[in-house]
Amino acid sequence: MQDSHEHKWPAVVFFLTCSLLFFGCVWYLWAGALNPDYFWDASPSLTAEPQDRILEKNERILLAKNHGARVENARIVYRGSRRGTLTLDLYILQLDPHYGYPHRIDEDHARKGFRMGEYFFQVLAASDGKISLKRL
């Protein structure tokens, strides 16, 4: 009699472990996991878009890639540089503030001065990440 009771405890531990694992999985699927973004969301002040600076005549500005500046009724956004060609978008705010008209300008030509819409600019320095513009 004692022999049969001594060899039953490994089976009891095995089935108890399996049932706890099964119910744990069912609980996890039923309750669901928390979205990790809940813990890792950045502060709204860090993710808010900075306000565009208004560029007046004869004023200089340093624009980072994919950031813009206001020029009267328009907005310019620097999109980067590739093989000596600068890419800028011009948003005409009164016409369509959500559509940017792309402009690709040779860097050498841009250093002498160029026109976007009704505004004249001159590139002082440019890289893929930043551009220094002067409004003429």
Protein backbone atom coordinates (compact mmCIF):
# COMPACT_ATOMS: atom_id res chain seq x y z
CA MET A 1 0.00 0.00 0.00
CA GLN A 2 2.72 2.48 0.84
CA ASP A 3 4.44 1.81 -2.49
CA SER A 4 1.46 2.98 -4.53
CA HIS A 5 1.13 6.25 -2.57
CA GLU A 6 4.86 7.08 -2.80
CA HIS A 7 4.91 7.01 -6.63
CA LYS A 8 1.79 9.16 -7.14
CA TRP A 9 3.28 12.55 -6.10
CA PRO A 10 5.33 13.10 -9.34
CA ALA A 11 2.15 12.62 -11.38
CA VAL A 12 0.23 15.01 -9.12
CA VAL A 13 2.98 17.68 -9.42
CA PHE A 14 3.13 17.23 -13.22
CA PHE A 15 -0.66 17.63 -13.69
CA LEU A 16 -0.81 20.53 -11.24
CA THR A 17 1.99 22.34 -13.12
CA CYS A 18 0.34 21.70 -16.49
CA SER A 19 -3.04 22.93 -15.26
CA LEU A 20 -1.51 26.10 -13.76
CA LEU A 21 0.31 26.77 -17.04
CA PHE A 22 -2.89 26.20 -19.03
CA PHE A 23 -4.99 28.51 -16.84
CA GLY A 24 -2.20 31.11 -16.88
CA CYS A 25 -2.24 31.13 -20.70
CA VAL A 26 -6.04 31.34 -20.77
CA TRP A 27 -5.94 34.27 -18.29
CA TYR A 28 -3.28 36.06 -20.38
CA LEU A 29 -5.33 35.69 -23.56
CA TRP A 30 -8.57 36.70 -21.86
CA ALA A 31 -7.22 39.68 -19.92
CA GLY A 32 -4.82 40.73 -22.66
CA ALA A 33 -1.42 42.29 -22.38
CA LEU A 34 -0.88 45.99 -21.89
CA ASN A 35 0.34 47.84 -24.93
CA PRO A 36 4.04 48.71 -24.40
CA ASP A 37 3.35 52.15 -25.88
CA TYR A 38 1.41 52.87 -22.70
CA PHE A 39 4.68 52.85 -20.78
CA TRP A 40 6.92 54.35 -23.47
CA ASP A 41 4.80 57.23 -24.79
CA ALA A 42 6.80 60.43 -24.96
CA SER A 43 5.61 63.55 -23.27
CA PRO A 44 3.28 65.65 -25.46
CA SER A 45 5.63 68.62 -25.05
CA LEU A 46 8.46 66.60 -26.60
CA THR A 47 6.45 65.39 -29.58
CA ALA A 48 4.70 68.67 -30.40
CA GLU A 49 5.76 70.26 -33.64
CA PRO A 50 7.69 73.46 -33.07
CA GLN A 51 6.03 76.58 -34.42
CA ASP A 52 7.41 77.81 -37.73
CA ARG A 53 9.49 80.93 -37.50
CA ILE A 54 8.48 83.81 -39.78
CA LEU A 55 11.30 84.76 -42.13
CA GLU A 56 11.47 88.49 -42.87
CA LYS A 57 13.43 90.19 -45.67
CA ASN A 58 17.25 90.09 -45.28
CA GLU A 59 16.90 87.66 -42.39
CA ARG A 60 18.81 84.39 -42.09
CA ILE A 61 17.51 81.08 -40.83
CA LEU A 62 18.92 77.63 -40.18
CA LEU A 63 16.47 74.88 -41.13
CA ALA A 64 16.84 71.25 -40.12
CA LYS A 65 15.73 68.53 -42.51
CA ASN A 66 11.91 68.24 -42.70
CA HIS A 67 11.39 71.49 -40.78
CA GLY A 68 10.06 74.70 -42.19
CA ALA A 69 9.73 78.45 -41.93
CA ARG A 70 6.92 80.84 -42.81
CA VAL A 71 7.40 83.50 -45.46
CA GLU A 72 4.36 85.81 -45.47
CA ASN A 73 1.58 83.66 -47.04
CA ALA A 74 3.76 80.65 -47.75
CA ARG A 75 5.77 78.03 -45.93
CA ILE A 76 9.05 76.46 -47.05
CA VAL A 77 10.27 73.08 -45.81
CA TYR A 78 13.77 71.71 -46.33
CA ARG A 79 13.71 68.05 -47.48
CA GLY A 80 17.43 67.37 -47.82
CA SER A 81 20.26 67.27 -50.32
CA ARG A 82 21.25 64.61 -52.80
CA ARG A 83 24.19 64.72 -55.20
CA GLY A 84 24.47 68.51 -55.09
CA THR A 85 20.74 69.10 -55.55
CA LEU A 86 18.73 70.69 -52.75
CA THR A 87 15.09 69.74 -52.29
CA LEU A 88 12.64 72.22 -50.78
CA ASP A 89 8.85 72.19 -50.64
CA LEU A 90 6.78 75.34 -51.03
CA TYR A 91 3.35 75.36 -49.36
CA ILE A 92 1.05 78.15 -50.52
CA LEU A 93 -1.11 78.59 -47.45
CA GLN A 94 -4.00 80.43 -49.09
CA LEU A 95 -4.23 77.96 -51.97
CA ASP A 96 -3.68 74.58 -50.28
CA PRO A 97 -1.80 74.44 -46.95
CA HIS A 98 -1.50 70.64 -47.08
CA TYR A 99 0.20 70.27 -50.49
CA GLY A 100 3.85 71.13 -50.95
CA TYR A 101 5.17 72.04 -54.36
CA PRO A 102 8.60 70.39 -54.64
CA HIS A 103 11.57 72.43 -55.89
CA ARG A 104 14.90 70.85 -56.77
CA ILE A 105 17.67 73.39 -57.06
CA ASP A 106 21.32 72.89 -57.94
CA GLU A 107 23.41 73.89 -54.92
CA ASP A 108 25.76 76.11 -56.94
CA HIS A 109 22.80 77.97 -58.44
CA ALA A 110 21.16 78.25 -55.00
CA ARG A 111 24.27 79.91 -53.53
CA LYS A 112 23.92 82.71 -56.11
CA GLY A 113 20.23 83.17 -55.32
CA PHE A 114 16.99 81.58 -56.49
CA ARG A 115 13.27 82.21 -56.58
CA MET A 116 10.52 80.09 -55.04
CA GLY A 117 7.06 81.41 -55.80
CA GLU A 118 7.26 85.18 -55.39
CA TYR A 119 10.10 85.04 -52.85
CA PHE A 120 13.86 85.22 -53.41
CA PHE A 121 16.38 83.25 -51.31
CA GLN A 122 20.09 82.60 -51.15
CA VAL A 123 21.71 79.49 -49.69
CA LEU A 124 24.58 80.31 -47.36
CA ALA A 125 25.46 76.73 -46.36
CA ALA A 126 23.87 73.36 -47.00
CA SER A 127 24.23 69.74 -45.98
CA ASP A 128 21.83 66.81 -46.06
CA GLY A 129 20.67 67.51 -42.50
CA LYS A 130 20.57 71.34 -42.42
CA ILE A 131 20.43 74.39 -44.62
CA SER A 132 21.17 78.04 -43.94
CA LEU A 133 18.97 80.39 -45.98
CA LYS A 134 18.85 84.14 -46.38
CA ARG A 135 15.71 85.79 -47.71
CA LEU A 136 16.49 88.48 -50.27
